[in-house]
């Protein structure tokens, strides 16, 4: 049986001068925005916050699970693509 998709988002904030992180790159704002976009699209996809996805220098980072792709260097335009991919991912029934 196929597992439903979920969106994993990084909420890591690295302390220290010059260290890039997802939170420092604006991911908290993007999390709020993508939750609203998923709701508007009537997609029942949980948004799961994780401390680190291991790609700090490429933040903000999100990943479709299970087995979906990583999205790095997220910006406002990326969010619509992520919603579209979540829709298609769910329709395929990937596991």
Protein backbone atom coordinates (compact mmCIF):
# COMPACT_ATOMS: atom_id res chain seq x y z
CA UNK A 1 0.00 0.00 0.00
CA UNK A 2 1.37 3.41 -0.98
CA UNK A 3 2.26 5.78 1.82
CA UNK A 4 0.81 9.27 1.53
CA UNK A 5 3.26 12.08 0.81
CA UNK A 6 4.45 14.56 3.39
CA UNK A 7 6.64 17.61 3.15
CA UNK A 8 9.67 17.69 5.42
CA UNK A 9 11.04 21.16 6.08
CA UNK A 10 14.23 22.18 7.81
CA UNK A 11 13.97 24.46 10.83
CA UNK A 12 17.65 24.45 11.72
CA UNK A 13 19.28 27.69 12.79
CA UNK A 14 23.06 27.65 12.91
CA UNK A 15 24.62 30.02 15.34
CA UNK A 16 27.77 31.88 14.52
CA UNK A 17 28.89 34.53 12.15
CA UNK A 18 28.48 33.72 8.48
CA UNK A 19 26.98 30.25 8.89
CA UNK A 20 24.05 29.81 6.53
CA UNK A 21 20.98 27.95 7.77
CA UNK A 22 17.43 27.27 6.64
CA UNK A 23 15.84 29.44 9.32
CA UNK A 24 18.40 32.18 8.73
CA UNK A 25 17.52 32.03 5.03
CA UNK A 26 13.79 32.55 5.63
CA UNK A 27 12.38 29.03 5.82
CA UNK A 28 9.93 29.88 8.64
CA UNK A 29 8.16 32.34 6.35
CA UNK A 30 8.11 29.77 3.55
CA UNK A 31 6.67 27.12 5.90
CA UNK A 32 3.73 29.37 6.74
CA UNK A 33 3.22 30.21 3.09
CA UNK A 34 3.36 26.63 1.81
CA UNK A 35 0.92 25.46 4.50
CA UNK A 36 -1.53 28.06 3.23
CA UNK A 37 -0.92 27.07 -0.39
CA UNK A 38 -1.53 23.38 0.41
CA UNK A 39 -4.76 24.29 2.17
CA UNK A 40 -5.86 26.49 -0.74
CA UNK A 41 -5.15 23.59 -3.14
CA UNK A 42 -7.16 21.19 -0.91
CA UNK A 43 -4.09 18.97 -0.51
CA UNK A 44 -4.01 17.07 2.76
CA UNK A 45 -0.22 16.90 3.03
CA UNK A 46 1.37 17.15 6.45
CA UNK A 47 4.23 19.61 6.81
CA UNK A 48 6.78 18.06 9.16
CA UNK A 49 9.43 20.28 10.73
CA UNK A 50 12.87 18.70 11.25
CA UNK A 51 15.91 20.13 12.94
CA UNK A 52 18.29 19.54 10.02
CA UNK A 53 18.24 17.95 6.60
CA UNK A 54 22.00 18.24 6.11
CA UNK A 55 22.08 20.88 3.38
CA UNK A 56 22.63 24.09 5.37
CA UNK A 57 24.65 25.84 2.68
CA UNK A 58 21.81 25.29 0.19
CA UNK A 59 19.03 26.49 2.50
CA UNK A 60 16.21 26.95 2.75
CA UNK A 61 15.54 23.25 2.16
CA UNK A 62 12.39 21.11 1.87
CA UNK A 63 11.94 17.47 0.86
CA UNK A 64 9.00 15.39 -0.30
CA UNK A 65 8.80 12.05 1.48
CA UNK A 66 8.81 9.17 1.19
CA UNK A 67 11.52 9.00 -1.42
CA UNK A 68 10.80 12.34 -3.09
CA UNK A 69 13.23 14.97 -4.16
CA UNK A 70 15.00 17.71 -2.26
CA UNK A 71 14.25 21.35 -2.98
CA UNK A 72 17.12 23.66 -2.13
CA UNK A 73 17.59 27.41 -2.15
CA UNK A 74 13.81 27.81 -1.86
CA UNK A 75 12.29 31.12 -2.90
CA UNK A 76 8.70 32.25 -3.40
CA UNK A 77 8.61 30.86 -6.94
CA UNK A 78 9.74 27.45 -5.69
CA UNK A 79 6.67 27.04 -3.50
CA UNK A 80 4.24 26.66 -6.42
CA UNK A 81 6.51 24.01 -7.97
CA UNK A 82 6.62 22.13 -4.66
CA UNK A 83 2.81 22.17 -4.41
CA UNK A 84 2.54 20.92 -8.01
CA UNK A 85 5.03 18.14 -7.34
CA UNK A 86 3.21 17.14 -4.13
CA UNK A 87 -0.02 16.91 -6.10
CA UNK A 88 1.61 14.73 -8.77
CA UNK A 89 3.49 12.65 -6.17
CA UNK A 90 0.24 11.84 -4.38
CA UNK A 91 -1.51 10.94 -7.63
CA UNK A 92 1.27 8.50 -8.58
CA UNK A 93 1.06 6.75 -5.21
CA UNK A 94 4.84 6.58 -4.88
CA UNK A 95 6.38 4.77 -1.96
